[in-house]
């Protein structure tokens, strides 16, 4: 998870669907997902958890 420098919080995760990994830091060959809502961010994380993705 990373926060923007502005007053608005920006939540980021990188998703690797091939290896089924969610990363909280930039990773090569991963898709960046950005959220401006904490609720949307956690909903996304919950969905990947349900699909048995690993976190790093």
Protein backbone atom coordinates (compact mmCIF):
# COMPACT_ATOMS: atom_id res chain seq x y z
CA UNK A 1 0.00 0.00 0.00
CA UNK A 2 1.27 3.44 -0.87
CA UNK A 3 -0.04 6.89 -0.14
CA UNK A 4 0.09 9.89 -2.46
CA UNK A 5 1.73 13.11 -1.31
CA UNK A 6 -1.45 15.12 -1.83
CA UNK A 7 -4.23 15.44 0.73
CA UNK A 8 -6.07 12.59 -0.98
CA UNK A 9 -5.07 9.04 -0.03
CA UNK A 10 -4.25 6.68 -2.86
CA UNK A 11 -4.20 2.92 -2.18
CA UNK A 12 -2.16 0.76 -4.59
CA UNK A 13 -1.58 -2.94 -5.15
CA UNK A 14 0.09 -4.83 -7.96
CA UNK A 15 -1.59 -8.03 -9.15
CA UNK A 16 0.10 -11.00 -10.82
CA UNK A 17 -2.70 -13.26 -12.03
CA UNK A 18 -0.29 -15.87 -13.43
CA UNK A 19 1.42 -16.52 -10.08
CA UNK A 20 -1.64 -15.46 -8.04
CA UNK A 21 0.24 -12.84 -6.02
CA UNK A 22 -0.82 -9.47 -4.65
CA UNK A 23 2.06 -7.12 -3.93
CA UNK A 24 2.05 -3.91 -1.90
CA UNK A 25 5.08 -2.65 -3.80
CA UNK A 26 5.81 -2.29 -7.51
CA UNK A 27 6.55 -5.55 -9.29
CA UNK A 28 7.54 -6.22 -12.89
CA UNK A 29 4.85 -7.81 -15.08
CA UNK A 30 2.11 -7.02 -12.56
CA UNK A 31 -1.03 -4.98 -13.13
CA UNK A 32 -1.32 -1.84 -10.99
CA UNK A 33 -4.65 -1.26 -9.27
CA UNK A 34 -5.29 2.11 -7.59
CA UNK A 35 -8.09 2.99 -5.19
CA UNK A 36 -9.19 6.31 -3.77
CA UNK A 37 -11.51 4.62 -1.28
CA UNK A 38 -10.33 2.51 1.65
CA UNK A 39 -13.56 0.50 1.44
CA UNK A 40 -13.03 -0.33 -2.25
CA UNK A 41 -9.40 -1.26 -1.53
CA UNK A 42 -10.37 -3.74 1.20
CA UNK A 43 -13.22 -5.15 -0.90
CA UNK A 44 -10.70 -5.89 -3.65
CA UNK A 45 -8.26 -7.49 -1.19
CA UNK A 46 -11.08 -9.64 0.24
CA UNK A 47 -12.00 -10.87 -3.25
CA UNK A 48 -8.41 -11.91 -4.00
CA UNK A 49 -8.18 -13.60 -0.60
CA UNK A 50 -11.26 -15.62 -1.52
CA UNK A 51 -9.44 -16.72 -4.68
CA UNK A 52 -6.47 -17.85 -2.56
CA UNK A 53 -3.99 -15.24 -3.79
CA UNK A 54 -0.79 -14.82 -1.77
CA UNK A 55 0.39 -11.45 -0.45
CA UNK A 56 3.88 -9.95 -0.38
